[in-house]
Every structure is written in C-alpha cells, then in structure tokens.
Amino acid sequence: MTIETGDSVSLEYIGQLTDGTIFDTSRQDVAEDEGLAQSQPDRDYEPLAVEVGAGTVIEGLDEALVGMEVGDEERIEIPPEKAYGEPRDDLVQEHDFDELREVLGDDPEAGMYVQTQQGGLGEIIHVDDDVVRIDFNHELAGETLVFDVEILDAN
C-alpha cells in the first residue's frame, strides 16, 4: 500500500542535524546511547503515529511520507523552510532587567529558559544591567534536519 494524504502511519525515526548530532528519536536504544533518555526520564520511546497531511509533524516530513510504503526505510533531508524555518529577529524580545527579575523571582542569566503564559519557550541570550534579550525562535530554526525513517504500518 502506497501512503497517501489522510492515511494513518506508524513509524520509527531518528532525527539528527547534518553533523550527525541526534536531537530526537522514537527508538529507546538510540535514546539511551545518545543520552537523550537520561534528559527525558519520563518519556516513552515508541513508534510515532502520524495522520499524513494533518500537520502534526513538520511539513517536510509530512510531505516525504507520501508515496512511501510499509517496510520502507529512508533517509529524508529537510531544509529549514520545511522544518522550523529560519531564525526571525521579531522572535528575539527585549525586557527590562528589573521587571523580569521580579517575574522570575531570581536574577536572569544567559542560558536560562523562560516560558510565557501562552506556553512559548525562550532562551535568555543577553543580560546587562538594564536589558534582557530572550530568543523565542525554535531551537532548531535555521537547521537542515535529517530523519532516518522506517514505516511500520499504514492504513
């Protein structure tokens, strides 16, 4: 059966950067070997269920699944514009140091992560006596992603 838009697919995957750094996987053994399991101890590593075309995975992966078949194993390279996009300047925001310290209950420091009330996650990338700059771009923005995918089931 050739996978089409609207099909439900179960797949195993290993997501990595072009330099080979693994950032995500559905495979427990790979997660343990790469240290991902230790940083996410409550995560269940299991095949990913995807409805093709529903937008539940990044665009480039969604598109690449169309035409594959159960049993296929492929390496898929996804450019930034089909993944998390290019970094955007408008997603780097400046905040008053004292106001942010009051909200955090602690001194903001570069490298800390903050979460907005809407669930957005940002990294503090600059701190001085007056201004704190927070980058809300996705951590994989600007990256070409490589996925090793194995199709387990489709219907």
N, C-alpha and C. Protein backbone atom coordinates (compact mmCIF):
# COMPACT_ATOMS: atom_id res chain seq x y z
N MET A 1 0.84 -1.19 0.00
CA MET A 1 0.00 0.00 0.00
C MET A 1 0.88 1.25 0.00
N THR A 2 0.65 2.10 -0.95
CA THR A 2 1.39 3.36 -1.04
C THR A 2 0.70 4.39 -0.14
N ILE A 3 1.49 5.06 0.67
CA ILE A 3 0.95 6.04 1.62
C ILE A 3 0.46 7.27 0.88
N GLU A 4 -0.74 7.72 1.26
CA GLU A 4 -1.35 8.91 0.68
C GLU A 4 -1.77 9.86 1.78
N THR A 5 -2.04 11.10 1.41
CA THR A 5 -2.54 12.09 2.37
C THR A 5 -3.83 11.55 3.00
N GLY A 6 -3.92 11.65 4.32
CA GLY A 6 -5.08 11.16 5.05
C GLY A 6 -4.86 9.79 5.68
N ASP A 7 -3.82 9.07 5.24
CA ASP A 7 -3.52 7.76 5.83
C ASP A 7 -2.95 7.91 7.22
N SER A 8 -3.20 6.92 8.06
CA SER A 8 -2.58 6.84 9.38
C SER A 8 -1.35 5.95 9.26
N VAL A 9 -0.22 6.46 9.74
CA VAL A 9 1.05 5.77 9.59
C VAL A 9 1.72 5.63 10.95
N SER A 10 2.36 4.49 11.17
CA SER A 10 3.19 4.27 12.35
C SER A 10 4.63 4.13 11.87
N LEU A 11 5.53 4.88 12.48
CA LEU A 11 6.91 4.86 12.02
C LEU A 11 7.90 5.00 13.17
N GLU A 12 9.09 4.47 12.94
CA GLU A 12 10.23 4.70 13.82
C GLU A 12 11.08 5.76 13.15
N TYR A 13 11.75 6.60 13.96
CA TYR A 13 12.57 7.65 13.36
C TYR A 13 13.76 7.99 14.26
N ILE A 14 14.78 8.52 13.61
CA ILE A 14 15.92 9.13 14.29
C ILE A 14 16.10 10.48 13.62
N GLY A 15 15.99 11.55 14.41
CA GLY A 15 16.16 12.91 13.89
C GLY A 15 17.53 13.42 14.26
N GLN A 16 18.23 13.95 13.27
CA GLN A 16 19.58 14.45 13.54
C GLN A 16 19.87 15.69 12.71
N LEU A 17 20.92 16.38 13.12
CA LEU A 17 21.42 17.52 12.36
C LEU A 17 22.36 17.00 11.28
N THR A 18 22.76 17.85 10.36
CA THR A 18 23.63 17.41 9.27
C THR A 18 25.01 16.99 9.78
N ASP A 19 25.40 17.42 10.98
CA ASP A 19 26.69 16.99 11.54
C ASP A 19 26.58 15.65 12.28
N GLY A 20 25.37 15.04 12.27
CA GLY A 20 25.18 13.74 12.91
C GLY A 20 24.67 13.80 14.34
N THR A 21 24.54 14.99 14.91
CA THR A 21 24.02 15.14 16.27
C THR A 21 22.56 14.72 16.30
N ILE A 22 22.24 13.73 17.12
CA ILE A 22 20.86 13.25 17.23
C ILE A 22 20.11 14.13 18.23
N PHE A 23 18.97 14.67 17.80
CA PHE A 23 18.18 15.54 18.67
C PHE A 23 16.88 14.89 19.13
N ASP A 24 16.44 13.82 18.45
CA ASP A 24 15.19 13.16 18.85
C ASP A 24 15.13 11.79 18.18
N THR A 25 14.40 10.88 18.81
CA THR A 25 14.22 9.55 18.26
C THR A 25 13.02 8.88 18.90
N SER A 26 12.49 7.89 18.21
CA SER A 26 11.44 7.05 18.78
C SER A 26 12.03 5.76 19.33
N ARG A 27 13.31 5.54 19.10
CA ARG A 27 13.96 4.28 19.47
C ARG A 27 14.65 4.39 20.84
N GLN A 28 14.22 3.55 21.78
CA GLN A 28 14.76 3.55 23.14
C GLN A 28 16.28 3.34 23.15
N ASP A 29 16.78 2.37 22.37
CA ASP A 29 18.22 2.07 22.39
C ASP A 29 19.04 3.25 21.90
N VAL A 30 18.57 3.96 20.88
CA VAL A 30 19.28 5.13 20.37
C VAL A 30 19.24 6.25 21.41
N ALA A 31 18.09 6.44 22.04
CA ALA A 31 17.95 7.47 23.08
C ALA A 31 18.92 7.22 24.23
N GLU A 32 19.05 5.97 24.63
CA GLU A 32 19.98 5.63 25.71
C GLU A 32 21.42 5.85 25.28
N ASP A 33 21.78 5.42 24.07
CA ASP A 33 23.14 5.58 23.57
C ASP A 33 23.54 7.05 23.43
N GLU A 34 22.59 7.91 23.09
CA GLU A 34 22.87 9.32 22.84
C GLU A 34 22.67 10.21 24.07
N GLY A 35 22.22 9.63 25.19
CA GLY A 35 22.00 10.42 26.40
C GLY A 35 20.67 11.15 26.43
N LEU A 36 19.82 10.91 25.44
CA LEU A 36 18.52 11.57 25.42
C LEU A 36 17.59 11.01 26.49
N ALA A 37 17.67 9.71 26.75
CA ALA A 37 16.79 9.07 27.73
C ALA A 37 17.04 9.62 29.13
N GLN A 38 18.29 9.94 29.44
CA GLN A 38 18.60 10.48 30.76
C GLN A 38 18.04 11.89 30.95
N SER A 39 18.01 12.66 29.86
CA SER A 39 17.50 14.03 29.97
C SER A 39 15.97 14.09 29.91
N GLN A 40 15.33 12.98 29.50
CA GLN A 40 13.87 12.91 29.42
C GLN A 40 13.41 11.60 30.06
N PRO A 41 13.62 11.45 31.37
CA PRO A 41 13.35 10.15 32.02
C PRO A 41 11.90 9.69 31.99
N ASP A 42 10.95 10.58 31.82
CA ASP A 42 9.54 10.20 31.83
C ASP A 42 8.98 9.94 30.43
N ARG A 43 9.81 10.06 29.44
CA ARG A 43 9.34 9.89 28.06
C ARG A 43 9.26 8.41 27.70
N ASP A 44 8.21 8.07 26.97
CA ASP A 44 8.07 6.73 26.41
C ASP A 44 8.59 6.77 24.98
N TYR A 45 9.55 5.92 24.69
CA TYR A 45 10.08 5.83 23.33
C TYR A 45 9.33 4.73 22.61
N GLU A 46 8.52 5.12 21.65
CA GLU A 46 7.68 4.18 20.92
C GLU A 46 7.44 4.74 19.52
N PRO A 47 6.97 3.91 18.61
CA PRO A 47 6.72 4.40 17.25
C PRO A 47 5.79 5.62 17.25
N LEU A 48 6.02 6.48 16.30
CA LEU A 48 5.23 7.70 16.14
C LEU A 48 4.03 7.42 15.24
N ALA A 49 2.85 7.81 15.70
CA ALA A 49 1.64 7.68 14.90
C ALA A 49 1.37 9.04 14.25
N VAL A 50 1.19 9.02 12.93
CA VAL A 50 1.00 10.25 12.17
C VAL A 50 -0.18 10.10 11.22
N GLU A 51 -1.03 11.11 11.17
CA GLU A 51 -2.02 11.18 10.11
C GLU A 51 -1.40 12.06 9.03
N VAL A 52 -1.07 11.47 7.93
CA VAL A 52 -0.35 12.17 6.87
C VAL A 52 -1.19 13.34 6.35
N GLY A 53 -0.57 14.52 6.33
CA GLY A 53 -1.24 15.72 5.83
C GLY A 53 -1.98 16.51 6.88
N ALA A 54 -2.04 16.00 8.11
CA ALA A 54 -2.80 16.68 9.17
C ALA A 54 -1.98 17.77 9.86
N GLY A 55 -0.70 17.88 9.54
CA GLY A 55 0.12 18.93 10.13
C GLY A 55 0.60 18.63 11.54
N THR A 56 0.63 17.37 11.92
CA THR A 56 1.07 17.01 13.27
C THR A 56 2.58 16.84 13.36
N VAL A 57 3.26 16.77 12.20
CA VAL A 57 4.71 16.74 12.15
C VAL A 57 5.17 17.86 11.22
N ILE A 58 6.46 18.15 11.22
CA ILE A 58 6.95 19.23 10.36
C ILE A 58 6.62 18.96 8.90
N GLU A 59 6.45 20.03 8.15
CA GLU A 59 5.98 19.96 6.77
C GLU A 59 6.81 19.03 5.90
N GLY A 60 8.12 19.12 5.98
CA GLY A 60 8.98 18.30 5.13
C GLY A 60 8.84 16.82 5.38
N LEU A 61 8.65 16.43 6.64
CA LEU A 61 8.45 15.02 6.96
C LEU A 61 7.07 14.57 6.48
N ASP A 62 6.07 15.39 6.71
CA ASP A 62 4.71 15.09 6.26
C ASP A 62 4.71 14.82 4.75
N GLU A 63 5.35 15.69 4.00
CA GLU A 63 5.39 15.55 2.54
C GLU A 63 6.16 14.30 2.11
N ALA A 64 7.26 13.99 2.81
CA ALA A 64 8.11 12.86 2.43
C ALA A 64 7.43 11.52 2.64
N LEU A 65 6.47 11.46 3.56
CA LEU A 65 5.79 10.19 3.83
C LEU A 65 4.90 9.75 2.66
N VAL A 66 4.37 10.74 1.91
CA VAL A 66 3.51 10.42 0.77
C VAL A 66 4.33 9.67 -0.27
N GLY A 67 3.82 8.51 -0.67
CA GLY A 67 4.49 7.69 -1.67
C GLY A 67 5.34 6.57 -1.08
N MET A 68 5.60 6.62 0.23
CA MET A 68 6.35 5.54 0.86
C MET A 68 5.41 4.36 1.08
N GLU A 69 5.98 3.21 1.45
CA GLU A 69 5.19 2.01 1.71
C GLU A 69 5.67 1.35 3.00
N VAL A 70 4.81 0.51 3.58
CA VAL A 70 5.17 -0.24 4.78
C VAL A 70 6.45 -1.02 4.50
N GLY A 71 7.39 -0.94 5.42
CA GLY A 71 8.67 -1.61 5.28
C GLY A 71 9.76 -0.72 4.71
N ASP A 72 9.39 0.41 4.11
CA ASP A 72 10.40 1.33 3.57
C ASP A 72 11.24 1.91 4.69
N GLU A 73 12.52 2.04 4.43
CA GLU A 73 13.45 2.74 5.31
C GLU A 73 14.15 3.78 4.45
N GLU A 74 14.01 5.05 4.84
CA GLU A 74 14.58 6.12 4.04
C GLU A 74 15.24 7.16 4.92
N ARG A 75 16.23 7.83 4.34
CA ARG A 75 16.85 9.00 4.96
C ARG A 75 16.26 10.21 4.25
N ILE A 76 15.69 11.10 5.03
CA ILE A 76 15.00 12.27 4.48
C ILE A 76 15.71 13.52 4.99
N GLU A 77 16.14 14.36 4.07
CA GLU A 77 16.78 15.63 4.43
C GLU A 77 15.77 16.74 4.25
N ILE A 78 15.59 17.54 5.30
CA ILE A 78 14.55 18.57 5.29
C ILE A 78 15.19 19.94 5.51
N PRO A 79 15.04 20.85 4.54
CA PRO A 79 15.61 22.19 4.69
C PRO A 79 14.83 23.00 5.74
N PRO A 80 15.46 24.04 6.28
CA PRO A 80 14.81 24.84 7.33
C PRO A 80 13.41 25.32 6.98
N GLU A 81 13.19 25.72 5.72
CA GLU A 81 11.87 26.26 5.36
C GLU A 81 10.77 25.22 5.40
N LYS A 82 11.12 23.93 5.41
CA LYS A 82 10.13 22.86 5.53
C LYS A 82 10.18 22.23 6.93
N ALA A 83 10.99 22.83 7.82
CA ALA A 83 11.12 22.32 9.20
C ALA A 83 10.66 23.42 10.17
N TYR A 84 11.60 24.07 10.83
CA TYR A 84 11.25 25.09 11.82
C TYR A 84 11.53 26.50 11.34
N GLY A 85 11.80 26.65 10.05
CA GLY A 85 12.02 27.96 9.46
C GLY A 85 13.39 28.53 9.80
N GLU A 86 13.63 29.70 9.27
CA GLU A 86 14.85 30.44 9.57
C GLU A 86 14.63 31.24 10.84
N PRO A 87 15.69 31.52 11.59
CA PRO A 87 15.53 32.37 12.78
C PRO A 87 14.96 33.73 12.38
N ARG A 88 14.06 34.24 13.20
CA ARG A 88 13.42 35.53 12.91
C ARG A 88 13.78 36.54 14.00
N ASP A 89 14.18 37.73 13.57
CA ASP A 89 14.54 38.79 14.50
C ASP A 89 13.38 39.18 15.40
N ASP A 90 12.13 39.12 14.86
CA ASP A 90 10.97 39.53 15.66
C ASP A 90 10.68 38.57 16.81
N LEU A 91 11.33 37.41 16.82
CA LEU A 91 11.14 36.46 17.93
C LEU A 91 12.22 36.62 19.01
N VAL A 92 13.07 37.64 18.86
CA VAL A 92 14.02 38.00 19.91
C VAL A 92 13.47 39.26 20.56
N GLN A 93 13.13 39.14 21.83
CA GLN A 93 12.46 40.25 22.54
C GLN A 93 13.34 40.79 23.66
N GLU A 94 13.22 42.09 23.88
CA GLU A 94 13.95 42.73 24.98
C GLU A 94 12.99 43.02 26.12
N HIS A 95 13.49 42.79 27.34
CA HIS A 95 12.71 43.05 28.54
C HIS A 95 13.56 43.81 29.53
N ASP A 96 12.91 44.57 30.36
CA ASP A 96 13.59 45.30 31.42
C ASP A 96 14.14 44.31 32.45
N PHE A 97 15.42 44.46 32.81
CA PHE A 97 16.07 43.54 33.74
C PHE A 97 15.30 43.43 35.05
N ASP A 98 14.99 44.57 35.67
CA ASP A 98 14.33 44.55 36.99
C ASP A 98 12.94 43.92 36.93
N GLU A 99 12.18 44.22 35.87
CA GLU A 99 10.85 43.64 35.73
C GLU A 99 10.92 42.12 35.56
N LEU A 100 11.86 41.66 34.75
CA LEU A 100 11.99 40.22 34.54
C LEU A 100 12.48 39.52 35.80
N ARG A 101 13.38 40.14 36.53
CA ARG A 101 13.86 39.57 37.79
C ARG A 101 12.68 39.40 38.76
N GLU A 102 11.79 40.37 38.79
CA GLU A 102 10.62 40.29 39.67
C GLU A 102 9.71 39.12 39.26
N VAL A 103 9.49 38.95 37.96
CA VAL A 103 8.66 37.86 37.47
C VAL A 103 9.30 36.51 37.76
N LEU A 104 10.61 36.40 37.52
CA LEU A 104 11.31 35.14 37.72
C LEU A 104 11.57 34.82 39.18
N GLY A 105 11.65 35.86 40.00
CA GLY A 105 11.99 35.65 41.40
C GLY A 105 13.48 35.39 41.59
N ASP A 106 14.27 35.69 40.55
CA ASP A 106 15.70 35.45 40.58
C ASP A 106 16.34 36.31 39.49
N ASP A 107 17.65 36.47 39.55
CA ASP A 107 18.35 37.23 38.52
C ASP A 107 18.36 36.44 37.21
N PRO A 108 17.93 37.06 36.11
CA PRO A 108 18.02 36.37 34.82
C PRO A 108 19.49 36.22 34.41
N GLU A 109 19.81 35.06 33.81
CA GLU A 109 21.17 34.80 33.35
C GLU A 109 21.12 34.22 31.95
N ALA A 110 22.14 34.55 31.16
CA ALA A 110 22.23 33.98 29.81
C ALA A 110 22.26 32.46 29.90
N GLY A 111 21.49 31.83 29.02
CA GLY A 111 21.40 30.37 29.01
C GLY A 111 20.18 29.83 29.73
N MET A 112 19.54 30.66 30.56
CA MET A 112 18.31 30.24 31.23
C MET A 112 17.17 30.20 30.21
N TYR A 113 16.19 29.34 30.49
CA TYR A 113 14.99 29.29 29.66
C TYR A 113 13.82 29.84 30.44
N VAL A 114 12.95 30.58 29.75
CA VAL A 114 11.75 31.12 30.36
C VAL A 114 10.56 30.69 29.53
N GLN A 115 9.42 30.56 30.18
CA GLN A 115 8.20 30.16 29.49
C GLN A 115 7.15 31.25 29.65
N THR A 116 6.49 31.59 28.54
CA THR A 116 5.43 32.59 28.60
C THR A 116 4.15 31.95 29.12
N GLN A 117 3.19 32.77 29.47
CA GLN A 117 1.91 32.25 29.92
C GLN A 117 1.19 31.48 28.82
N GLN A 118 1.53 31.78 27.55
CA GLN A 118 0.92 31.09 26.42
C GLN A 118 1.67 29.79 26.09
N GLY A 119 2.73 29.48 26.81
CA GLY A 119 3.47 28.24 26.61
C GLY A 119 4.70 28.37 25.74
N GLY A 120 4.99 29.58 25.25
CA GLY A 120 6.19 29.77 24.44
C GLY A 120 7.44 29.62 25.28
N LEU A 121 8.48 29.03 24.71
CA LEU A 121 9.73 28.82 25.42
C LEU A 121 10.81 29.66 24.77
N GLY A 122 11.55 30.40 25.59
CA GLY A 122 12.62 31.25 25.07
C GLY A 122 13.88 31.11 25.89
N GLU A 123 15.01 31.32 25.22
CA GLU A 123 16.30 31.26 25.89
C GLU A 123 16.83 32.67 26.09
N ILE A 124 17.28 32.97 27.29
CA ILE A 124 17.90 34.26 27.56
C ILE A 124 19.27 34.24 26.90
N ILE A 125 19.48 35.17 25.96
CA ILE A 125 20.73 35.18 25.20
C ILE A 125 21.62 36.37 25.54
N HIS A 126 21.09 37.36 26.28
CA HIS A 126 21.88 38.53 26.64
C HIS A 126 21.31 39.13 27.92
N VAL A 127 22.21 39.50 28.82
CA VAL A 127 21.80 40.16 30.06
C VAL A 127 22.79 41.28 30.34
N ASP A 128 22.28 42.48 30.62
CA ASP A 128 23.12 43.53 31.19
C ASP A 128 22.32 44.21 32.30
N ASP A 129 22.81 45.30 32.83
CA ASP A 129 22.16 45.93 33.99
C ASP A 129 20.76 46.44 33.69
N ASP A 130 20.45 46.68 32.41
CA ASP A 130 19.17 47.28 32.05
C ASP A 130 18.27 46.34 31.24
N VAL A 131 18.86 45.56 30.35
CA VAL A 131 18.08 44.83 29.35
C VAL A 131 18.40 43.34 29.37
N VAL A 132 17.33 42.55 29.18
CA VAL A 132 17.47 41.11 28.99
C VAL A 132 16.89 40.79 27.62
N ARG A 133 17.66 40.08 26.79
CA ARG A 133 17.19 39.70 25.46
C ARG A 133 16.86 38.21 25.49
N ILE A 134 15.63 37.87 25.05
CA ILE A 134 15.15 36.49 25.06
C ILE A 134 14.83 36.07 23.63
N ASP A 135 15.37 34.92 23.23
CA ASP A 135 15.17 34.38 21.88
C ASP A 135 14.08 33.32 21.94
N PHE A 136 12.95 33.59 21.26
CA PHE A 136 11.82 32.66 21.22
C PHE A 136 11.78 31.85 19.92
N ASN A 137 12.83 31.91 19.11
CA ASN A 137 12.91 31.04 17.95
C ASN A 137 13.01 29.59 18.42
N HIS A 138 12.47 28.67 17.63
CA HIS A 138 12.63 27.25 17.95
C HIS A 138 14.11 26.92 17.94
N GLU A 139 14.55 26.05 18.83
CA GLU A 139 15.97 25.73 18.94
C GLU A 139 16.53 25.12 17.65
N LEU A 140 15.68 24.58 16.78
CA LEU A 140 16.14 24.00 15.52
C LEU A 140 15.90 24.92 14.32
N ALA A 141 15.48 26.17 14.58
CA ALA A 141 15.31 27.13 13.49
C ALA A 141 16.64 27.33 12.78
N GLY A 142 16.58 27.34 11.44
CA GLY A 142 17.77 27.55 10.65
C GLY A 142 18.54 26.27 10.35
N GLU A 143 18.12 25.16 10.91
CA GLU A 143 18.84 23.90 10.74
C GLU A 143 18.21 23.04 9.64
N THR A 144 19.07 22.41 8.84
CA THR A 144 18.63 21.35 7.95
C THR A 144 18.56 20.08 8.78
N LEU A 145 17.43 19.40 8.75
CA LEU A 145 17.22 18.21 9.58
C LEU A 145 17.28 16.96 8.72
N VAL A 146 17.80 15.89 9.31
CA VAL A 146 17.90 14.61 8.62
C VAL A 146 17.15 13.58 9.45
N PHE A 147 16.19 12.90 8.83
CA PHE A 147 15.42 11.87 9.54
C PHE A 147 15.65 10.53 8.86
N ASP A 148 16.05 9.54 9.67
CA ASP A 148 16.05 8.15 9.23
C ASP A 148 14.71 7.59 9.66
N VAL A 149 13.89 7.18 8.70
CA VAL A 149 12.51 6.77 8.94
C VAL A 149 12.30 5.33 8.50
N GLU A 150 11.57 4.57 9.31
CA GLU A 150 11.15 3.22 8.93
C GLU A 150 9.63 3.15 9.10
N ILE A 151 8.94 2.84 8.01
CA ILE A 151 7.47 2.75 8.04
C ILE A 151 7.08 1.36 8.56
N LEU A 152 6.38 1.34 9.70
CA LEU A 152 5.97 0.08 10.31
C LEU A 152 4.59 -0.37 9.87
N ASP A 153 3.66 0.59 9.72
CA ASP A 153 2.28 0.25 9.43
C ASP A 153 1.61 1.46 8.78
N ALA A 154 0.61 1.21 7.98
CA ALA A 154 -0.16 2.29 7.35
C ALA A 154 -1.57 1.77 7.04
N ASN A 155 -2.55 2.65 7.21
CA ASN A 155 -3.92 2.30 6.83
C ASN A 155 -4.74 3.55 6.60
